[in-house]
All heavy atoms as atom14 arrays in JSON, in Angstrom:
{
  "sequence": "AATAATQFPISYAVEALVRKLKNIQQTQEK",
  "atom14_mask": [
    [1, 1, 1, 1, 1, 0, 0, 0, 0, 0, 0, 0, 0, 0],
    [1, 1, 1, 1, 1, 0, 0, 0, 0, 0, 0, 0, 0, 0],
    [1, 1, 1, 1, 1, 1, 1, 0, 0, 0, 0, 0, 0, 0],
    [1, 1, 1, 1, 1, 0, 0, 0, 0, 0, 0, 0, 0, 0],
    [1, 1, 1, 1, 1, 0, 0, 0, 0, 0, 0, 0, 0, 0],
    [1, 1, 1, 1, 1, 1, 1, 0, 0, 0, 0, 0, 0, 0],
    [1, 1, 1, 1, 1, 1, 1, 1, 1, 0, 0, 0, 0, 0],
    [1, 1, 1, 1, 1, 1, 1, 1, 1, 1, 1, 0, 0, 0],
    [1, 1, 1, 1, 1, 1, 1, 0, 0, 0, 0, 0, 0, 0],
    [1, 1, 1, 1, 1, 1, 1, 1, 0, 0, 0, 0, 0, 0],
    [1, 1, 1, 1, 1, 1, 0, 0, 0, 0, 0, 0, 0, 0],
    [1, 1, 1, 1, 1, 1, 1, 1, 1, 1, 1, 1, 0, 0],
    [1, 1, 1, 1, 1, 0, 0, 0, 0, 0, 0, 0, 0, 0],
    [1, 1, 1, 1, 1, 1, 1, 0, 0, 0, 0, 0, 0, 0],
    [1, 1, 1, 1, 1, 1, 1, 1, 1, 0, 0, 0, 0, 0],
    [1, 1, 1, 1, 1, 0, 0, 0, 0, 0, 0, 0, 0, 0],
    [1, 1, 1, 1, 1, 1, 1, 1, 0, 0, 0, 0, 0, 0],
    [1, 1, 1, 1, 1, 1, 1, 0, 0, 0, 0, 0, 0, 0],
    [1, 1, 1, 1, 1, 1, 1, 1, 1, 1, 1, 0, 0, 0],
    [1, 1, 1, 1, 1, 1, 1, 1, 1, 0, 0, 0, 0, 0],
    [1, 1, 1, 1, 1, 1, 1, 1, 0, 0, 0, 0, 0, 0],
    [1, 1, 1, 1, 1, 1, 1, 1, 1, 0, 0, 0, 0, 0],
    [1, 1, 1, 1, 1, 1, 1, 1, 0, 0, 0, 0, 0, 0],
    [1, 1, 1, 1, 1, 1, 1, 1, 0, 0, 0, 0, 0, 0],
    [1, 1, 1, 1, 1, 1, 1, 1, 1, 0, 0, 0, 0, 0],
    [1, 1, 1, 1, 1, 1, 1, 1, 1, 0, 0, 0, 0, 0],
    [1, 1, 1, 1, 1, 1, 1, 0, 0, 0, 0, 0, 0, 0],
    [1, 1, 1, 1, 1, 1, 1, 1, 1, 0, 0, 0, 0, 0],
    [1, 1, 1, 1, 1, 1, 1, 1, 1, 0, 0, 0, 0, 0],
    [1, 1, 1, 1, 1, 1, 1, 1, 1, 0, 0, 0, 0, 0]
  ],
  "atom14_positions": [
    [[52.51, 23.57, 81.55], [52.15, 23.73, 82.96], [50.66, 23.48, 83.11], [49.85, 24.05, 82.4], [52.51, 25.14, 83.44], [0.0, 0.0, 0.0], [0.0, 0.0, 0.0], [0.0, 0.0, 0.0], [0.0, 0.0, 0.0], [0.0, 0.0, 0.0], [0.0, 0.0, 0.0], [0.0, 0.0, 0.0], [0.0, 0.0, 0.0], [0.0, 0.0, 0.0]],
    [[50.29, 22.62, 84.06], [48.88, 22.27, 84.2], [48.6, 21.7, 85.57], [49.45, 21.05, 86.18], [48.46, 21.26, 83.13], [0.0, 0.0, 0.0], [0.0, 0.0, 0.0], [0.0, 0.0, 0.0], [0.0, 0.0, 0.0], [0.0, 0.0, 0.0], [0.0, 0.0, 0.0], [0.0, 0.0, 0.0], [0.0, 0.0, 0.0], [0.0, 0.0, 0.0]],
    [[47.39, 21.99, 86.07], [46.93, 21.4, 87.34], [45.66, 20.59, 87.14], [45.34, 19.74, 87.96], [46.66, 22.51, 88.36], [45.71, 23.42, 87.82], [47.96, 23.25, 88.7], [0.0, 0.0, 0.0], [0.0, 0.0, 0.0], [0.0, 0.0, 0.0], [0.0, 0.0, 0.0], [0.0, 0.0, 0.0], [0.0, 0.0, 0.0], [0.0, 0.0, 0.0]],
    [[44.91, 20.86, 86.08], [43.68, 20.12, 85.81], [43.32, 20.26, 84.34], [43.69, 21.23, 83.67], [42.54, 20.65, 86.68], [0.0, 0.0, 0.0], [0.0, 0.0, 0.0], [0.0, 0.0, 0.0], [0.0, 0.0, 0.0], [0.0, 0.0, 0.0], [0.0, 0.0, 0.0], [0.0, 0.0, 0.0], [0.0, 0.0, 0.0], [0.0, 0.0, 0.0]],
    [[42.59, 19.26, 83.84], [42.22, 19.27, 82.42], [41.32, 20.45, 82.09], [41.32, 20.94, 80.97], [41.52, 17.96, 82.07], [0.0, 0.0, 0.0], [0.0, 0.0, 0.0], [0.0, 0.0, 0.0], [0.0, 0.0, 0.0], [0.0, 0.0, 0.0], [0.0, 0.0, 0.0], [0.0, 0.0, 0.0], [0.0, 0.0, 0.0], [0.0, 0.0, 0.0]],
    [[40.57, 20.93, 83.09], [39.6, 21.99, 82.81], [40.24, 23.3, 82.38], [39.55, 24.19, 81.91], [38.74, 22.24, 84.06], [39.6, 22.46, 85.19], [37.84, 21.03, 84.32], [0.0, 0.0, 0.0], [0.0, 0.0, 0.0], [0.0, 0.0, 0.0], [0.0, 0.0, 0.0], [0.0, 0.0, 0.0], [0.0, 0.0, 0.0], [0.0, 0.0, 0.0]],
    [[41.56, 23.47, 82.58], [42.19, 24.71, 82.16], [42.45, 24.75, 80.65], [42.82, 25.79, 80.11], [43.5, 24.93, 82.92], [44.67, 24.05, 82.48], [45.89, 24.3, 83.32], [45.96, 23.93, 84.48], [46.87, 24.96, 82.73], [0.0, 0.0, 0.0], [0.0, 0.0, 0.0], [0.0, 0.0, 0.0], [0.0, 0.0, 0.0], [0.0, 0.0, 0.0]],
    [[42.29, 23.59, 79.96], [42.47, 23.56, 78.51], [41.12, 23.66, 77.83], [40.11, 23.13, 78.32], [43.17, 22.26, 78.1], [44.56, 22.11, 78.69], [44.8, 21.17, 79.7], [45.61, 22.92, 78.28], [46.05, 21.04, 80.26], [46.85, 22.81, 78.84], [47.09, 21.87, 79.83], [0.0, 0.0, 0.0], [0.0, 0.0, 0.0], [0.0, 0.0, 0.0]],
    [[41.05, 24.38, 76.7], [39.75, 24.61, 76.06], [39.15, 23.36, 75.47], [39.84, 22.48, 74.96], [40.11, 25.63, 74.97], [41.54, 25.39, 74.68], [42.17, 25.01, 75.98], [0.0, 0.0, 0.0], [0.0, 0.0, 0.0], [0.0, 0.0, 0.0], [0.0, 0.0, 0.0], [0.0, 0.0, 0.0], [0.0, 0.0, 0.0], [0.0, 0.0, 0.0]],
    [[37.82, 23.28, 75.56], [37.09, 22.18, 74.93], [37.14, 22.36, 73.41], [36.98, 23.46, 72.9], [35.64, 22.17, 75.42], [35.6, 21.85, 76.93], [34.8, 21.15, 74.65], [34.23, 22.06, 77.54], [0.0, 0.0, 0.0], [0.0, 0.0, 0.0], [0.0, 0.0, 0.0], [0.0, 0.0, 0.0], [0.0, 0.0, 0.0], [0.0, 0.0, 0.0]],
    [[37.39, 21.28, 72.69], [37.41, 21.33, 71.22], [35.98, 21.16, 70.71], [35.49, 20.05, 70.53], [38.32, 20.24, 70.65], [38.28, 20.27, 69.23], [0.0, 0.0, 0.0], [0.0, 0.0, 0.0], [0.0, 0.0, 0.0], [0.0, 0.0, 0.0], [0.0, 0.0, 0.0], [0.0, 0.0, 0.0], [0.0, 0.0, 0.0], [0.0, 0.0, 0.0]],
    [[35.34, 22.3, 70.5], [33.96, 22.24, 70.03], [33.89, 21.68, 68.6], [32.9, 21.06, 68.2], [33.32, 23.63, 70.09], [33.17, 24.13, 71.5], [34.01, 25.11, 72.01], [32.18, 23.62, 72.35], [33.88, 25.56, 73.31], [32.04, 24.07, 73.66], [32.9, 25.05, 74.11], [32.76, 25.49, 75.39], [0.0, 0.0, 0.0], [0.0, 0.0, 0.0]],
    [[34.96, 21.91, 67.84], [34.97, 21.38, 66.47], [34.96, 19.85, 66.48], [34.25, 19.21, 65.71], [36.2, 21.9, 65.72], [0.0, 0.0, 0.0], [0.0, 0.0, 0.0], [0.0, 0.0, 0.0], [0.0, 0.0, 0.0], [0.0, 0.0, 0.0], [0.0, 0.0, 0.0], [0.0, 0.0, 0.0], [0.0, 0.0, 0.0], [0.0, 0.0, 0.0]],
    [[35.77, 19.26, 67.37], [35.78, 17.79, 67.48], [34.43, 17.3, 67.96], [33.9, 16.29, 67.46], [36.91, 17.33, 68.43], [36.79, 15.84, 68.7], [38.28, 17.63, 67.82], [0.0, 0.0, 0.0], [0.0, 0.0, 0.0], [0.0, 0.0, 0.0], [0.0, 0.0, 0.0], [0.0, 0.0, 0.0], [0.0, 0.0, 0.0], [0.0, 0.0, 0.0]],
    [[33.85, 18.01, 68.95], [32.53, 17.59, 69.43], [31.5, 17.66, 68.3], [30.65, 16.78, 68.17], [32.11, 18.48, 70.59], [32.85, 18.18, 71.88], [32.2, 18.81, 73.08], [31.51, 19.83, 72.92], [32.36, 18.27, 74.19], [0.0, 0.0, 0.0], [0.0, 0.0, 0.0], [0.0, 0.0, 0.0], [0.0, 0.0, 0.0], [0.0, 0.0, 0.0]],
    [[31.59, 18.73, 67.5], [30.66, 18.84, 66.38], [30.86, 17.72, 65.38], [29.9, 17.15, 64.84], [30.82, 20.2, 65.7], [0.0, 0.0, 0.0], [0.0, 0.0, 0.0], [0.0, 0.0, 0.0], [0.0, 0.0, 0.0], [0.0, 0.0, 0.0], [0.0, 0.0, 0.0], [0.0, 0.0, 0.0], [0.0, 0.0, 0.0], [0.0, 0.0, 0.0]],
    [[32.15, 17.37, 65.13], [32.44, 16.28, 64.2], [31.91, 14.95, 64.73], [31.34, 14.14, 63.99], [33.96, 16.19, 63.96], [34.44, 15.04, 63.06], [33.82, 15.16, 61.67], [35.95, 15.03, 62.97], [0.0, 0.0, 0.0], [0.0, 0.0, 0.0], [0.0, 0.0, 0.0], [0.0, 0.0, 0.0], [0.0, 0.0, 0.0], [0.0, 0.0, 0.0]],
    [[32.11, 14.73, 66.04], [31.61, 13.49, 66.64], [30.1, 13.4, 66.5], [29.54, 12.36, 66.16], [32.04, 13.41, 68.12], [31.34, 12.25, 68.81], [33.54, 13.24, 68.22], [0.0, 0.0, 0.0], [0.0, 0.0, 0.0], [0.0, 0.0, 0.0], [0.0, 0.0, 0.0], [0.0, 0.0, 0.0], [0.0, 0.0, 0.0], [0.0, 0.0, 0.0]],
    [[29.46, 14.54, 66.79], [28.0, 14.53, 66.65], [27.58, 14.25, 65.21], [26.62, 13.52, 64.96], [27.44, 15.88, 67.12], [27.43, 16.07, 68.63], [26.55, 17.25, 69.01], [27.07, 18.49, 68.47], [27.97, 19.25, 69.07], [28.46, 18.88, 70.23], [28.37, 20.37, 68.52], [0.0, 0.0, 0.0], [0.0, 0.0, 0.0], [0.0, 0.0, 0.0]],
    [[28.33, 14.83, 64.29], [27.99, 14.64, 62.88], [28.15, 13.19, 62.47], [27.31, 12.6, 61.77], [28.88, 15.54, 62.02], [28.36, 15.76, 60.61], [29.13, 16.89, 59.94], [28.54, 17.19, 58.58], [29.22, 18.32, 57.92], [0.0, 0.0, 0.0], [0.0, 0.0, 0.0], [0.0, 0.0, 0.0], [0.0, 0.0, 0.0], [0.0, 0.0, 0.0]],
    [[29.26, 12.57, 62.93], [29.48, 11.15, 62.62], [28.38, 10.29, 63.22], [27.91, 9.33, 62.61], [30.86, 10.72, 63.14], [32.08, 11.32, 62.41], [33.36, 10.94, 63.12], [32.12, 10.85, 60.96], [0.0, 0.0, 0.0], [0.0, 0.0, 0.0], [0.0, 0.0, 0.0], [0.0, 0.0, 0.0], [0.0, 0.0, 0.0], [0.0, 0.0, 0.0]],
    [[27.99, 10.63, 64.45], [26.93, 9.86, 65.09], [25.61, 10.02, 64.32], [24.87, 9.04, 64.15], [26.75, 10.32, 66.53], [27.88, 9.88, 67.47], [27.61, 10.35, 68.88], [28.72, 9.87, 69.82], [28.49, 10.34, 71.2], [0.0, 0.0, 0.0], [0.0, 0.0, 0.0], [0.0, 0.0, 0.0], [0.0, 0.0, 0.0], [0.0, 0.0, 0.0]],
    [[25.36, 11.24, 63.87], [24.13, 11.47, 63.11], [24.11, 10.7, 61.8], [23.09, 10.14, 61.4], [23.97, 12.97, 62.83], [23.69, 13.75, 64.1], [23.25, 13.17, 65.09], [23.96, 15.04, 64.08], [0.0, 0.0, 0.0], [0.0, 0.0, 0.0], [0.0, 0.0, 0.0], [0.0, 0.0, 0.0], [0.0, 0.0, 0.0], [0.0, 0.0, 0.0]],
    [[25.3, 10.68, 61.13], [25.39, 9.92, 59.88], [25.14, 8.44, 60.12], [24.41, 7.77, 59.39], [26.76, 10.14, 59.22], [26.88, 11.59, 58.73], [26.98, 9.17, 58.06], [28.25, 11.96, 58.23], [0.0, 0.0, 0.0], [0.0, 0.0, 0.0], [0.0, 0.0, 0.0], [0.0, 0.0, 0.0], [0.0, 0.0, 0.0], [0.0, 0.0, 0.0]],
    [[25.75, 7.93, 61.21], [25.59, 6.5, 61.55], [24.12, 6.19, 61.84], [23.58, 5.17, 61.4], [26.46, 6.16, 62.75], [26.4, 4.69, 63.14], [27.29, 4.4, 64.34], [27.87, 5.29, 64.92], [27.39, 3.13, 64.68], [0.0, 0.0, 0.0], [0.0, 0.0, 0.0], [0.0, 0.0, 0.0], [0.0, 0.0, 0.0], [0.0, 0.0, 0.0]],
    [[23.48, 7.1, 62.58], [22.07, 6.87, 62.91], [21.2, 6.91, 61.65], [20.25, 6.14, 61.51], [21.61, 7.93, 63.91], [22.23, 7.77, 65.28], [21.92, 8.94, 66.19], [21.28, 9.9, 65.78], [22.39, 8.85, 67.42], [0.0, 0.0, 0.0], [0.0, 0.0, 0.0], [0.0, 0.0, 0.0], [0.0, 0.0, 0.0], [0.0, 0.0, 0.0]],
    [[21.57, 7.81, 60.73], [20.8, 7.92, 59.49], [20.93, 6.65, 58.65], [19.97, 6.17, 58.04], [21.26, 9.13, 58.69], [21.12, 10.31, 59.5], [20.44, 9.3, 57.41], [0.0, 0.0, 0.0], [0.0, 0.0, 0.0], [0.0, 0.0, 0.0], [0.0, 0.0, 0.0], [0.0, 0.0, 0.0], [0.0, 0.0, 0.0], [0.0, 0.0, 0.0]],
    [[22.17, 6.1, 58.63], [22.39, 4.87, 57.85], [21.66, 3.69, 58.47], [21.16, 2.8, 57.77], [23.9, 4.58, 57.77], [24.67, 5.58, 56.92], [26.15, 5.36, 56.98], [26.66, 4.67, 57.87], [26.88, 5.94, 56.03], [0.0, 0.0, 0.0], [0.0, 0.0, 0.0], [0.0, 0.0, 0.0], [0.0, 0.0, 0.0], [0.0, 0.0, 0.0]],
    [[21.61, 3.64, 59.79], [20.96, 2.52, 60.47], [19.44, 2.57, 60.32], [18.78, 1.55, 60.23], [21.33, 2.51, 61.95], [22.81, 2.17, 62.19], [23.17, 2.31, 63.66], [22.31, 2.79, 64.42], [24.27, 1.93, 64.02], [0.0, 0.0, 0.0], [0.0, 0.0, 0.0], [0.0, 0.0, 0.0], [0.0, 0.0, 0.0], [0.0, 0.0, 0.0]],
    [[18.93, 3.8, 60.26], [17.48, 3.95, 60.2], [17.14, 5.11, 59.27], [17.46, 6.25, 59.56], [16.93, 4.23, 61.6], [15.43, 3.96, 61.72], [15.03, 3.99, 63.19], [13.57, 3.6, 63.34], [13.17, 3.58, 64.76], [0.0, 0.0, 0.0], [0.0, 0.0, 0.0], [0.0, 0.0, 0.0], [0.0, 0.0, 0.0], [0.0, 0.0, 0.0]]
  ]
}
């Protein structure tokens, strides 16, 4: 049951993983 995406919790773990991957990529590039 749902009316909007905001009622589901944000996956902070995925966000942290994304940030980590971006940081690794940035480190490799420079």
